[in-house]
Amino acid sequence: MKKFNMPSLLAGRFITGIDLGSSKFCCWTGAWEKEEEIKIIGAGHAASKGIEGGNLVDVGALESQITSAIYEAERQSNVQIHQAVVTLNGHFFYSDYHVLKSPIYEGVVTQKLLDHLWSRFLSRHQDHLPLHFIPLEFCVDDQDRIKDPRGMSGANLMCYCHVVWVHKGRFNTLVECLKRCQIQISGLLLGLYSSGLACLTPDEQELGATVVDMGAQSTGMGFFFQGRLVGSKIVKLGGDHITQDIARGCETPIQHAERIKVLYGAALPTLNDHKEMIPMASLGGGDTLGQTARSFLINIIQARSEEICRMMKTKMDEMHATHPFSCQRIVLTGGGSQLPGIRELVAQVLERPVRIAKSYPLKQAPRICGEFSAVSGTFFYQEAFNDFQRSALSSFIPSYRSKSFWSRLNALFKK
């Protein structure tokens, strides 16, 4: 059982995580126990509505489904939920890299200098909010690969950083929606970051690994190295596209296509697939059931799965040019990772070792599979932010540590 970095103020209290996924909304409530462990005491789930590809398309439906998931978690835990750590997924975000430079005015790198460096950079980006600010490397004069420059002497400081952004308008709409659900945001995490914290071992995070979250509307890729998220990519294809291909190819309703994908689907064929016939509902609501060879179904799934894998390989090759160690091995998570044969197909196309995400170190978790990696990772929120990330965000939002999220957000919008 993994030990959590538990602040003393949280001991004996409850913590809630909300994952706004493309296929479902999850709300889990956990209780801190002895030996710094978390026990899941309530888990609510609701079908995802109001979000399509990271775009907010129906705020009313979004609010209703979030409320349903929260209510179920409250009913099971007998705890009233007022605040939560929230994950953002899909096309809600984008990430890039920046090089920050500054003279070392006092001859020694101080926290004050770093705060000035962060503030000057972040204040130039008014249309987006920094979800994660991750320094990857510091340089002082001609000395590079520095992890912590504080206390070092020199003339010039440089920082190479990875920044994950969210669009301010889209994010503000989500904040107001959660506010109407009586939820105060106590923390924010990129879904890929959250999944990596839950699924990767400490050695994988340190030595390098890629988390692939196979969602309904997109496939996310989070690249980890030296304990940090060094990159993130999105492929705009997911499990829903496979379902739609089945519905078109087999001329069957989408709901039935999803059902047969789960019951009979696979990413790779076997020798006897052509001998097995599966029932197929007809499009248009007819009462008669036809039959289709399982081999036909698998051919449809394999074609789209291979396309997703090829797009993943393109993204991974781009990442390999700058952070090769983060691409050494792959861990599959998300609902799509449960498809039989997908691990073998990904390993075949991407030519790297692949494993399916294992269970999470949470007691009484409702299910142990990759579908819930993002919400599971919200309980590792404290581990997602090192001193530099906290100081960077608190320099842009001075009250970051002491006031509520709403005060911090208002302070940010006034800049």
Protein backbone atom coordinates (compact mmCIF):
# COMPACT_ATOMS: atom_id res chain seq x y z
CA MET A 1 0.00 0.00 0.00
CA LYS A 2 1.50 3.33 -1.06
CA LYS A 3 2.00 5.95 1.63
CA PHE A 4 0.57 9.38 0.91
CA ASN A 5 2.22 12.72 1.49
CA MET A 6 -0.46 13.75 3.97
CA PRO A 7 -0.43 17.27 5.37
CA SER A 8 -1.08 17.22 9.11
CA LEU A 9 -4.06 19.54 8.70
CA LEU A 10 -5.81 16.91 6.57
CA ALA A 11 -5.36 14.05 9.02
CA GLY A 12 -8.69 12.56 9.99
CA ARG A 13 -10.55 14.48 7.30
CA PHE A 14 -12.12 13.63 3.98
CA ILE A 15 -10.92 14.32 0.45
CA THR A 16 -12.97 14.23 -2.76
CA GLY A 17 -11.87 13.85 -6.37
CA ILE A 18 -14.00 14.61 -9.44
CA ASP A 19 -12.99 13.42 -12.91
CA LEU A 20 -14.82 15.02 -15.84
CA GLY A 21 -14.17 12.36 -18.46
CA SER A 22 -15.48 12.13 -22.00
CA SER A 23 -17.63 9.04 -21.28
CA LYS A 24 -18.48 9.43 -17.59
CA PHE A 25 -18.18 11.75 -14.60
CA CYS A 26 -16.72 10.23 -11.44
CA CYS A 27 -16.86 11.53 -7.88
CA TRP A 28 -14.94 9.61 -5.23
CA THR A 29 -14.72 10.49 -1.55
CA GLY A 30 -11.91 9.11 0.58
CA ALA A 31 -11.14 9.23 4.29
CA TRP A 32 -7.64 9.60 5.69
CA GLU A 33 -6.77 6.67 7.92
CA LYS A 34 -3.85 5.71 10.11
CA GLU A 35 -0.48 5.11 8.48
CA GLU A 36 -1.29 7.77 5.88
CA GLU A 37 -3.66 5.61 3.85
CA ILE A 38 -6.86 6.57 2.08
CA LYS A 39 -10.02 4.47 2.14
CA ILE A 40 -12.66 5.13 -0.52
CA ILE A 41 -15.98 5.51 1.30
CA GLY A 42 -18.17 6.83 -1.51
CA ALA A 43 -18.11 6.55 -5.31
CA GLY A 44 -20.60 8.20 -7.64
CA HIS A 45 -20.70 7.91 -11.42
CA ALA A 46 -22.85 9.46 -14.13
CA ALA A 47 -22.82 9.41 -17.92
CA SER A 48 -20.87 12.28 -19.44
CA LYS A 49 -23.16 14.91 -20.94
CA GLY A 50 -22.56 18.52 -21.87
CA ILE A 51 -18.92 18.01 -22.89
CA GLU A 52 -17.84 16.95 -26.37
CA GLY A 53 -14.14 16.72 -27.13
CA GLY A 54 -13.33 19.07 -24.27
CA ASN A 55 -15.82 21.68 -25.48
CA LEU A 56 -18.72 22.70 -23.22
CA VAL A 57 -21.83 22.27 -25.36
CA ASP A 58 -24.66 22.03 -22.79
CA VAL A 59 -24.01 23.57 -19.38
CA GLY A 60 -27.40 22.47 -18.02
CA ALA A 61 -26.76 18.82 -18.83
CA LEU A 62 -23.22 19.10 -17.48
CA GLU A 63 -24.45 20.50 -14.18
CA SER A 64 -27.15 17.84 -13.86
CA GLN A 65 -24.75 14.93 -14.41
CA ILE A 66 -22.09 16.29 -12.07
CA THR A 67 -24.75 16.73 -9.39
CA SER A 68 -25.89 13.12 -9.89
CA ALA A 69 -22.36 11.78 -9.39
CA ILE A 70 -21.83 13.96 -6.30
CA TYR A 71 -25.18 12.91 -4.80
CA GLU A 72 -24.34 9.21 -5.15
CA ALA A 73 -20.93 9.72 -3.52
CA GLU A 74 -22.58 11.63 -0.67
CA ARG A 75 -25.20 8.93 -0.22
CA GLN A 76 -22.62 6.15 0.04
CA SER A 77 -20.20 8.04 2.28
CA ASN A 78 -22.76 9.88 4.40
CA VAL A 79 -20.51 12.93 3.98
CA GLN A 80 -21.64 16.25 2.51
CA ILE A 81 -19.22 17.31 -0.22
CA HIS A 82 -18.29 20.99 -0.47
CA GLN A 83 -14.91 20.93 -2.20
CA ALA A 84 -13.00 18.65 -4.53
CA VAL A 85 -9.85 18.18 -6.58
CA VAL A 86 -10.98 18.28 -10.23
CA THR A 87 -9.32 16.82 -13.32
CA LEU A 88 -9.52 18.35 -16.80
CA ASN A 89 -9.36 16.11 -19.87
CA GLY A 90 -9.72 16.00 -23.63
CA HIS A 91 -9.12 19.21 -25.60
CA PHE A 92 -9.53 21.36 -22.50
CA PHE A 93 -5.79 22.00 -22.41
CA TYR A 94 -2.68 22.48 -24.47
CA SER A 95 0.96 22.45 -23.45
CA ASP A 96 4.18 24.03 -24.66
CA TYR A 97 7.75 24.74 -23.63
CA HIS A 98 9.45 27.99 -22.71
CA VAL A 99 12.93 29.23 -21.87
CA LEU A 100 12.96 31.86 -19.11
CA LYS A 101 16.02 34.04 -18.55
CA SER A 102 17.00 36.58 -15.93
CA PRO A 103 20.14 38.26 -14.61
CA ILE A 104 21.05 37.20 -11.09
CA TYR A 105 20.85 40.68 -9.59
CA GLU A 106 22.25 39.92 -6.13
CA GLY A 107 24.83 37.41 -7.35
CA VAL A 108 22.97 34.52 -5.68
CA VAL A 109 19.76 32.82 -6.82
CA THR A 110 17.03 33.47 -4.25
CA GLN A 111 13.36 32.57 -3.96
CA LYS A 112 12.58 36.24 -4.60
CA LEU A 113 14.37 36.07 -7.96
CA LEU A 114 12.47 32.92 -8.94
CA ASP A 115 9.15 34.51 -7.96
CA HIS A 116 9.99 37.51 -10.14
CA LEU A 117 10.91 35.20 -13.04
CA TRP A 118 7.61 33.27 -12.79
CA SER A 119 5.49 36.40 -12.40
CA ARG A 120 7.06 38.19 -15.36
CA PHE A 121 6.48 35.17 -17.62
CA LEU A 122 2.95 34.26 -16.54
CA SER A 123 1.68 37.85 -16.66
CA ARG A 124 2.27 37.87 -20.43
CA HIS A 125 -0.38 35.16 -20.98
CA GLN A 126 -3.76 36.74 -20.31
CA ASP A 127 -5.99 34.46 -22.42
CA HIS A 128 -4.99 31.23 -20.72
CA LEU A 129 -4.52 29.98 -17.17
CA PRO A 130 -1.51 27.91 -16.08
CA LEU A 131 -2.80 24.52 -14.96
CA HIS A 132 0.72 23.14 -14.43
CA PHE A 133 4.04 24.98 -14.44
CA ILE A 134 6.83 22.42 -14.44
CA PRO A 135 10.50 23.51 -14.46
CA LEU A 136 12.47 20.79 -16.23
CA GLU A 137 15.98 22.20 -15.95
CA PHE A 138 17.81 25.24 -14.58
CA CYS A 139 21.09 26.70 -15.82
CA VAL A 140 23.34 29.10 -13.92
CA ASP A 141 25.90 30.59 -16.32
CA ASP A 142 27.55 27.60 -18.03
CA GLN A 143 26.37 25.00 -15.48
CA ASP A 144 23.30 23.10 -16.68
CA ARG A 145 21.04 20.25 -15.52
CA ILE A 146 20.43 21.95 -12.19
CA LYS A 147 17.37 20.76 -10.28
CA ASP A 148 17.32 23.49 -7.61
CA PRO A 149 19.29 26.70 -8.31
CA ARG A 150 18.54 28.41 -5.00
CA GLY A 151 21.71 29.43 -3.19
CA MET A 152 23.90 29.12 -6.29
CA SER A 153 26.15 32.01 -7.34
CA GLY A 154 26.39 33.36 -10.86
CA ALA A 155 25.50 36.13 -13.29
CA ASN A 156 22.67 34.66 -15.38
CA LEU A 157 19.81 32.24 -14.69
CA MET A 158 17.89 30.23 -17.26
CA CYS A 159 14.91 27.92 -16.76
CA TYR A 160 13.54 25.44 -19.30
CA CYS A 161 9.93 24.67 -18.37
CA HIS A 162 6.85 22.74 -19.48
CA VAL A 163 3.57 24.64 -19.07
CA VAL A 164 0.07 23.16 -19.35
CA TRP A 165 -2.55 25.81 -20.16
CA VAL A 166 -6.35 25.95 -20.06
CA HIS A 167 -8.44 28.49 -21.94
CA LYS A 168 -9.69 31.13 -19.54
CA GLY A 169 -13.22 31.50 -20.96
CA ARG A 170 -13.89 27.77 -21.20
CA PHE A 171 -12.46 27.21 -17.76
CA ASN A 172 -14.47 30.04 -16.22
CA THR A 173 -17.68 28.44 -17.53
CA LEU A 174 -16.73 25.16 -15.86
CA VAL A 175 -15.94 26.95 -12.60
CA GLU A 176 -19.36 28.61 -12.55
CA CYS A 177 -21.01 25.26 -13.29
CA LEU A 178 -19.26 23.61 -10.34
CA LYS A 179 -20.14 26.57 -8.17
CA ARG A 180 -23.83 25.98 -8.91
CA CYS A 181 -23.25 22.35 -7.90
CA GLN A 182 -22.11 23.71 -4.51
CA ILE A 183 -18.53 22.56 -5.16
CA GLN A 184 -15.47 24.66 -4.39
CA ILE A 185 -12.36 23.62 -6.30
CA SER A 186 -9.58 22.76 -3.87
CA GLY A 187 -7.19 21.67 -6.62
CA LEU A 188 -6.86 21.14 -10.36
CA LEU A 189 -5.04 18.38 -12.21
CA LEU A 190 -4.57 17.49 -15.83
CA GLY A 191 -6.25 14.11 -16.30
CA LEU A 192 -3.09 12.64 -17.85
CA TYR A 193 -1.02 13.83 -14.92
CA SER A 194 -3.54 12.36 -12.50
CA SER A 195 -3.54 9.01 -14.34
CA GLY A 196 0.24 8.90 -14.27
CA LEU A 197 0.36 9.53 -10.53
CA ALA A 198 -2.07 6.65 -9.99
CA CYS A 199 -0.74 4.11 -12.48
CA LEU A 200 3.02 4.54 -12.70
CA THR A 201 5.40 3.08 -10.16
CA PRO A 202 7.95 5.47 -8.60
CA ASP A 203 10.67 3.85 -10.73
CA GLU A 204 8.66 4.35 -13.93
CA GLN A 205 8.08 8.01 -13.10
CA GLU A 206 11.80 8.47 -12.44
CA LEU A 207 13.32 6.40 -15.27
CA GLY A 208 10.74 7.36 -17.89
CA ALA A 209 7.38 6.09 -19.11
CA THR A 210 4.38 7.18 -21.15
CA VAL A 211 0.83 6.94 -19.83
CA VAL A 212 -1.71 6.44 -22.61
CA ASP A 213 -5.27 7.23 -21.53
CA MET A 214 -7.58 5.62 -24.09
CA GLY A 215 -10.74 7.65 -23.59
CA ALA A 216 -14.04 7.77 -25.41
CA GLN A 217 -13.46 10.86 -27.54
CA SER A 218 -9.68 11.19 -27.49
CA THR A 219 -6.49 9.37 -26.58
CA GLY A 220 -4.15 11.27 -24.28
CA MET A 221 -0.43 10.69 -23.86
CA GLY A 222 1.43 11.85 -20.74
CA PHE A 223 5.23 11.61 -20.78
CA PHE A 224 7.05 11.22 -17.45
CA PHE A 225 10.75 11.46 -16.66
CA GLN A 226 12.68 12.17 -13.45
CA GLY A 227 9.41 12.26 -11.52
CA ARG A 228 7.88 15.02 -13.65
CA LEU A 229 5.38 15.37 -16.46
CA VAL A 230 7.72 16.45 -19.26
CA GLY A 231 5.15 16.46 -22.07
CA SER A 232 1.54 15.83 -23.03
CA LYS A 233 -0.07 15.03 -26.38
CA ILE A 234 -3.62 14.38 -27.60
CA VAL A 235 -4.86 12.15 -30.43
CA LYS A 236 -8.36 13.26 -31.37
CA LEU A 237 -9.68 9.73 -31.75
CA GLY A 238 -11.01 7.36 -29.09
CA GLY A 239 -13.37 4.53 -28.26
CA ASP A 240 -16.47 6.36 -29.49
CA HIS A 241 -15.01 6.48 -33.00
CA ILE A 242 -14.61 2.69 -32.95
CA THR A 243 -18.23 2.35 -31.81
CA GLN A 244 -19.42 4.61 -34.63
CA ASP A 245 -17.44 2.57 -37.16
CA ILE A 246 -19.16 -0.59 -35.91
CA ALA A 247 -22.58 1.07 -36.11
CA ARG A 248 -21.96 2.12 -39.72
CA GLY A 249 -20.26 -1.05 -40.86
CA CYS A 250 -22.80 -3.41 -39.28
CA GLU A 251 -25.79 -1.09 -39.82
CA THR A 252 -26.80 -1.34 -36.18
CA PRO A 253 -27.81 1.23 -33.52
CA ILE A 254 -24.94 2.95 -31.69
CA GLN A 255 -26.06 1.55 -28.33
CA HIS A 256 -25.95 -1.99 -29.71
CA ALA A 257 -22.61 -1.30 -31.40
CA GLU A 258 -21.13 -0.33 -28.03
CA ARG A 259 -22.55 -3.48 -26.46
CA ILE A 260 -21.11 -5.89 -29.03
CA LYS A 261 -17.77 -4.06 -28.92
CA VAL A 262 -17.57 -4.78 -25.19
CA LEU A 263 -18.88 -8.36 -25.40
CA TYR A 264 -17.26 -9.63 -28.60
CA GLY A 265 -14.71 -7.04 -29.68
CA ALA A 266 -10.93 -7.37 -29.93
CA ALA A 267 -8.12 -5.35 -31.45
CA LEU A 268 -6.46 -8.37 -33.11
CA PRO A 269 -8.01 -11.39 -34.89
CA THR A 270 -7.75 -15.06 -33.93
CA LEU A 271 -7.97 -18.17 -36.09
CA ASN A 272 -11.59 -19.09 -35.28
CA ASP A 273 -13.23 -15.66 -35.46
CA HIS A 274 -14.90 -16.44 -38.80
CA LYS A 275 -16.66 -19.45 -37.25
CA GLU A 276 -18.34 -17.44 -34.48
CA MET A 277 -21.59 -15.63 -35.34
CA ILE A 278 -22.83 -12.78 -33.16
CA PRO A 279 -26.39 -11.38 -32.96
CA MET A 280 -26.84 -8.00 -34.60
CA ALA A 281 -29.78 -5.64 -34.09
CA SER A 282 -30.96 -3.96 -37.27
CA LEU A 283 -30.82 -0.21 -37.76
CA GLY A 284 -34.25 1.41 -37.69
CA GLY A 285 -35.76 -0.43 -34.75
CA GLY A 286 -36.73 -3.70 -36.38
CA ASP A 287 -37.56 -6.66 -34.14
CA THR A 288 -35.54 -9.17 -36.11
CA LEU A 289 -31.94 -9.93 -35.20
CA GLY A 290 -29.41 -10.68 -37.89
CA GLN A 291 -26.05 -12.36 -37.53
CA THR A 292 -22.55 -11.22 -38.35
CA ALA A 293 -19.28 -13.10 -38.23
CA ARG A 294 -17.07 -12.00 -35.35
CA SER A 295 -14.19 -11.69 -37.81
CA PHE A 296 -16.06 -8.85 -39.58
CA LEU A 297 -16.51 -7.00 -36.29
CA ILE A 298 -12.85 -7.40 -35.35
CA ASN A 299 -11.69 -6.17 -38.77
CA ILE A 300 -13.60 -2.93 -38.16
CA ILE A 301 -12.14 -2.50 -34.68
CA GLN A 302 -8.62 -3.36 -35.81
CA ALA A 303 -8.65 -0.81 -38.65
CA ARG A 304 -9.54 2.11 -36.39
CA SER A 305 -7.30 0.89 -33.55
CA GLU A 306 -4.33 0.74 -35.92
CA GLU A 307 -5.07 4.30 -37.06
CA ILE A 308 -5.07 5.49 -33.45
CA CYS A 309 -1.79 3.65 -32.82
CA ARG A 310 -0.15 5.18 -35.89
CA MET A 311 -1.16 8.66 -34.73
CA MET A 312 0.20 7.84 -31.28
CA LYS A 313 3.49 6.77 -32.85
CA THR A 314 3.77 10.10 -34.67
CA LYS A 315 3.25 11.98 -31.40
CA MET A 316 5.72 9.73 -29.60
CA ASP A 317 8.38 10.21 -32.29
CA GLU A 318 8.01 13.98 -31.85
CA MET A 319 8.49 13.61 -28.11
CA HIS A 320 11.40 11.21 -28.52
CA ALA A 321 13.43 13.95 -30.22
CA THR A 322 13.55 16.03 -27.01
CA HIS A 323 12.81 13.59 -24.17
CA PRO A 324 13.76 10.08 -25.38
CA PHE A 325 13.73 8.43 -21.96
CA SER A 326 10.07 9.38 -21.42
CA CYS A 327 9.14 7.17 -24.40
CA GLN A 328 10.88 3.96 -23.34
CA ARG A 329 7.80 2.11 -22.08
CA ILE A 330 4.03 2.52 -22.23
CA VAL A 331 1.31 2.04 -19.63
CA LEU A 332 -2.24 1.80 -20.99
CA THR A 333 -5.19 3.10 -19.01
CA GLY A 334 -8.71 4.36 -19.70
CA GLY A 335 -11.74 2.40 -20.86
CA GLY A 336 -10.17 1.54 -24.21
CA SER A 337 -7.31 -0.29 -22.50
CA GLN A 338 -9.76 -3.05 -21.54
CA LEU A 339 -10.23 -4.09 -25.19
CA PRO A 340 -8.74 -7.58 -25.70
CA GLY A 341 -5.62 -7.50 -27.85
CA ILE A 342 -5.03 -3.75 -27.54
CA ARG A 343 -1.82 -4.19 -25.53
CA GLU A 344 -0.34 -6.45 -28.20
CA LEU A 345 -1.41 -4.09 -31.01
CA VAL A 346 0.08 -1.02 -29.31
CA ALA A 347 3.34 -2.90 -28.67
CA GLN A 348 3.43 -4.02 -32.30
CA VAL A 349 2.87 -0.57 -33.83
CA LEU A 350 4.85 1.55 -31.33
CA GLU A 351 7.63 -1.04 -30.93
CA ARG A 352 7.95 -0.57 -27.19
CA PRO A 353 7.11 -2.64 -24.09
CA VAL A 354 3.50 -2.12 -23.03
CA ARG A 355 1.56 -3.04 -19.91
CA ILE A 356 -2.00 -2.46 -18.75
CA ALA A 357 -2.37 -0.22 -15.69
CA LYS A 358 -2.64 -2.23 -12.49
CA SER A 359 -4.69 -1.62 -9.38
CA TYR A 360 -4.45 1.60 -7.41
CA PRO A 361 -3.18 1.85 -3.82
CA LEU A 362 -6.59 2.89 -2.50
CA LYS A 363 -8.56 0.82 0.00
CA GLN A 364 -12.11 -0.12 -0.94
CA ALA A 365 -11.85 1.35 -4.45
CA PRO A 366 -15.10 0.40 -6.25
CA ARG A 367 -13.41 -1.19 -9.26
CA ILE A 368 -9.85 -2.04 -10.15
CA CYS A 369 -9.32 -1.16 -13.79
CA GLY A 370 -7.97 1.61 -15.97
CA GLU A 371 -11.31 3.35 -16.37
CA PHE A 372 -10.85 5.10 -13.03
CA SER A 373 -7.17 6.03 -13.10
CA ALA A 374 -7.79 9.79 -13.44
CA VAL A 375 -10.16 10.07 -10.46
CA SER A 376 -7.89 7.75 -8.47
CA GLY A 377 -4.96 10.06 -9.13
CA THR A 378 -6.71 13.05 -7.56
CA PHE A 379 -5.83 11.57 -4.16
CA PHE A 380 -2.15 12.10 -5.04
CA TYR A 381 -2.75 15.81 -5.63
CA GLN A 382 -0.19 16.91 -3.04
CA GLU A 383 2.49 14.94 -4.85
CA ALA A 384 1.80 16.69 -8.17
CA PHE A 385 3.20 20.03 -7.03
CA ASN A 386 6.78 20.57 -5.95
CA ASP A 387 8.08 23.78 -4.41
CA PHE A 388 8.79 25.37 -7.78
CA GLN A 389 5.29 24.76 -9.12
CA ARG A 390 3.74 26.19 -5.98
CA SER A 391 5.97 29.26 -5.96
CA ALA A 392 5.37 29.85 -9.67
CA LEU A 393 1.60 29.83 -9.32
CA SER A 394 1.59 31.72 -6.03
CA SER A 395 3.76 34.44 -7.57
CA PHE A 396 1.14 34.91 -10.26
CA ILE A 397 -1.70 34.54 -7.74
CA PRO A 398 -0.27 35.94 -4.47
CA SER A 399 -2.98 34.42 -2.27
CA TYR A 400 -2.58 30.94 -3.80
CA ARG A 401 -1.79 29.21 -0.51
CA SER A 402 -3.97 31.06 1.94
CA LYS A 403 -7.34 31.89 0.38
CA SER A 404 -10.05 29.98 -1.36
CA PHE A 405 -9.83 29.07 -5.02
CA TRP A 406 -12.49 31.63 -5.89
CA SER A 407 -10.42 34.47 -4.40
CA ARG A 408 -7.38 33.25 -6.30
CA LEU A 409 -9.33 33.07 -9.54
CA ASN A 410 -10.71 36.60 -9.09
CA ALA A 411 -7.21 37.89 -8.41
CA LEU A 412 -6.03 36.25 -11.61
CA PHE A 413 -8.80 37.72 -13.75
CA LYS A 414 -8.05 41.24 -12.48
CA LYS A 415 -4.50 41.11 -13.85
